[in-house]
Amino acid sequence: MSETQITDEAFERDPTFDLQRYAERSFGAYQEKPVNVVLRFDAKATRDAVAFRFHPNQSVEENKDGSLTVYFKAGGINEMCWHLFTWGESVTVEKPARLRRRLAAICASLAAHHSAV
């Protein structure tokens, strides 16, 4: 913030507003219609992924093959993609298809950009 100033204007907080519920609708800061997300982390990434809190309402399932499946519901597809990019090939987006397609498009665009240099 810059150039802040004190005024006589008052603000009354909506008593029905619940910050926790509001935050749970998003992944990071973006607010959009929540989607059911299913991510599978390979066995090499399980130790790190099980210790990571992707979302406040997440649940996890350790699979027989050593992989880990993470489930949560949130909006913010682009921000999810930016985060999932850091996990590289150790994560697979199982659902939703829209998130998988968006992540693939971002990766393809980056690959094309850096191939042209």
Protein backbone atom coordinates (compact mmCIF):
# COMPACT_ATOMS: atom_id res chain seq x y z
CA MET A 1 0.00 0.00 0.00
CA SER A 2 1.12 3.49 -0.65
CA GLU A 3 -0.32 6.93 0.01
CA THR A 4 -2.65 5.74 2.76
CA GLN A 5 -4.60 8.26 4.76
CA ILE A 6 -6.98 8.31 7.68
CA THR A 7 -10.57 9.26 6.87
CA ASP A 8 -13.84 9.53 8.76
CA GLU A 9 -15.31 6.68 6.68
CA ALA A 10 -16.44 3.66 8.67
CA PHE A 11 -16.55 0.03 7.62
CA GLU A 12 -18.84 -2.56 9.14
CA ARG A 13 -17.77 -6.15 8.71
CA ASP A 14 -20.47 -8.47 7.39
CA PRO A 15 -21.25 -10.65 10.42
CA THR A 16 -21.98 -13.63 8.13
CA PHE A 17 -18.53 -13.46 6.50
CA ASP A 18 -16.33 -16.44 7.41
CA LEU A 19 -12.68 -15.98 6.43
CA GLN A 20 -11.92 -19.70 6.74
CA ARG A 21 -14.77 -20.67 4.38
CA TYR A 22 -13.71 -17.93 1.96
CA ALA A 23 -10.10 -19.15 1.95
CA GLU A 24 -11.13 -22.77 1.44
CA ARG A 25 -12.79 -21.88 -1.86
CA SER A 26 -9.45 -20.97 -3.40
CA PHE A 27 -5.97 -22.24 -3.98
CA GLY A 28 -3.78 -19.35 -2.92
CA ALA A 29 -5.33 -15.95 -3.54
CA TYR A 30 -7.57 -16.60 -6.55
CA GLN A 31 -11.32 -16.91 -6.13
CA GLU A 32 -13.18 -18.87 -8.78
CA LYS A 33 -15.68 -21.70 -8.79
CA PRO A 34 -14.13 -24.58 -6.82
CA VAL A 35 -13.38 -27.87 -8.56
CA ASN A 36 -12.56 -31.31 -7.18
CA VAL A 37 -8.82 -31.85 -7.53
CA VAL A 38 -7.03 -35.21 -7.48
CA LEU A 39 -3.23 -35.23 -7.65
CA ARG A 40 -1.02 -38.32 -7.66
CA PHE A 41 2.59 -38.03 -6.53
CA ASP A 42 5.02 -40.77 -7.47
CA ALA A 43 6.78 -42.80 -4.78
CA LYS A 44 9.94 -40.65 -4.99
CA ALA A 45 7.93 -37.54 -4.05
CA THR A 46 5.64 -39.11 -1.44
CA ARG A 47 7.80 -38.16 1.55
CA ASP A 48 7.77 -34.47 0.56
CA ALA A 49 4.16 -34.42 -0.66
CA VAL A 50 2.73 -36.04 2.48
CA ALA A 51 4.37 -33.31 4.57
CA PHE A 52 3.03 -30.52 2.35
CA ARG A 53 -0.31 -28.82 2.98
CA PHE A 54 -1.74 -28.12 -0.44
CA HIS A 55 -5.11 -26.95 0.84
CA PRO A 56 -6.90 -26.65 4.20
CA ASN A 57 -9.55 -29.21 3.23
CA GLN A 58 -7.21 -31.77 1.67
CA SER A 59 -7.21 -35.47 2.37
CA VAL A 60 -4.44 -37.87 1.40
CA GLU A 61 -4.24 -41.55 0.57
CA GLU A 62 -1.02 -43.54 0.57
CA ASN A 63 -1.21 -46.08 -2.25
CA LYS A 64 0.14 -49.66 -2.30
CA ASP A 65 2.72 -48.73 -4.97
CA GLY A 66 4.23 -46.07 -2.68
CA SER A 67 2.60 -43.14 -4.46
CA LEU A 68 0.40 -40.60 -2.73
CA THR A 69 -2.98 -39.27 -3.83
CA VAL A 70 -4.08 -35.84 -2.61
CA TYR A 71 -7.71 -34.72 -2.78
CA PHE A 72 -9.16 -31.25 -2.23
CA LYS A 73 -11.75 -28.84 -3.60
CA ALA A 74 -10.70 -25.31 -4.59
CA GLY A 75 -10.71 -22.68 -7.29
CA GLY A 76 -7.63 -21.01 -8.78
CA ILE A 77 -6.60 -23.21 -11.71
CA ASN A 78 -3.75 -20.94 -12.84
CA GLU A 79 -2.27 -20.68 -9.37
CA MET A 80 -2.52 -24.46 -8.98
CA CYS A 81 -0.60 -24.84 -12.24
CA TRP A 82 2.14 -22.46 -11.13
CA HIS A 83 2.55 -24.48 -7.94
CA LEU A 84 2.32 -27.91 -9.59
CA PHE A 85 5.01 -26.89 -12.08
CA THR A 86 7.49 -26.93 -9.17
CA TRP A 87 6.80 -30.64 -8.62
CA GLY A 88 7.86 -31.47 -12.18
CA GLU A 89 7.20 -34.98 -13.42
CA SER A 90 6.64 -36.33 -9.91
CA VAL A 91 3.00 -35.19 -9.94
CA THR A 92 0.15 -36.24 -12.22
CA VAL A 93 -3.11 -34.31 -12.34
CA GLU A 94 -5.81 -36.96 -12.34
CA LYS A 95 -8.75 -34.53 -12.01
CA PRO A 96 -10.05 -32.22 -13.26
CA ALA A 97 -9.19 -32.53 -16.93
CA ARG A 98 -9.33 -28.72 -17.20
CA LEU A 99 -6.46 -28.40 -14.71
CA ARG A 100 -4.44 -31.07 -16.56
CA ARG A 101 -4.98 -29.33 -19.92
CA ARG A 102 -4.08 -25.90 -18.52
CA LEU A 103 -0.87 -27.23 -16.94
CA ALA A 104 0.06 -28.91 -20.25
CA ALA A 105 -0.61 -25.69 -22.17
CA ILE A 106 1.55 -23.62 -19.80
CA CYS A 107 4.39 -26.14 -20.07
CA ALA A 108 4.11 -26.29 -23.87
CA SER A 109 4.17 -22.50 -24.09
CA LEU A 110 7.28 -22.30 -21.88
CA ALA A 111 9.00 -25.04 -23.88
CA ALA A 112 8.24 -23.26 -27.15
CA HIS A 113 9.44 -19.94 -25.78
CA HIS A 114 12.73 -21.34 -24.54
CA SER A 115 13.30 -23.50 -27.64
CA ALA A 116 13.12 -20.43 -29.87
CA VAL A 117 15.98 -18.67 -28.05
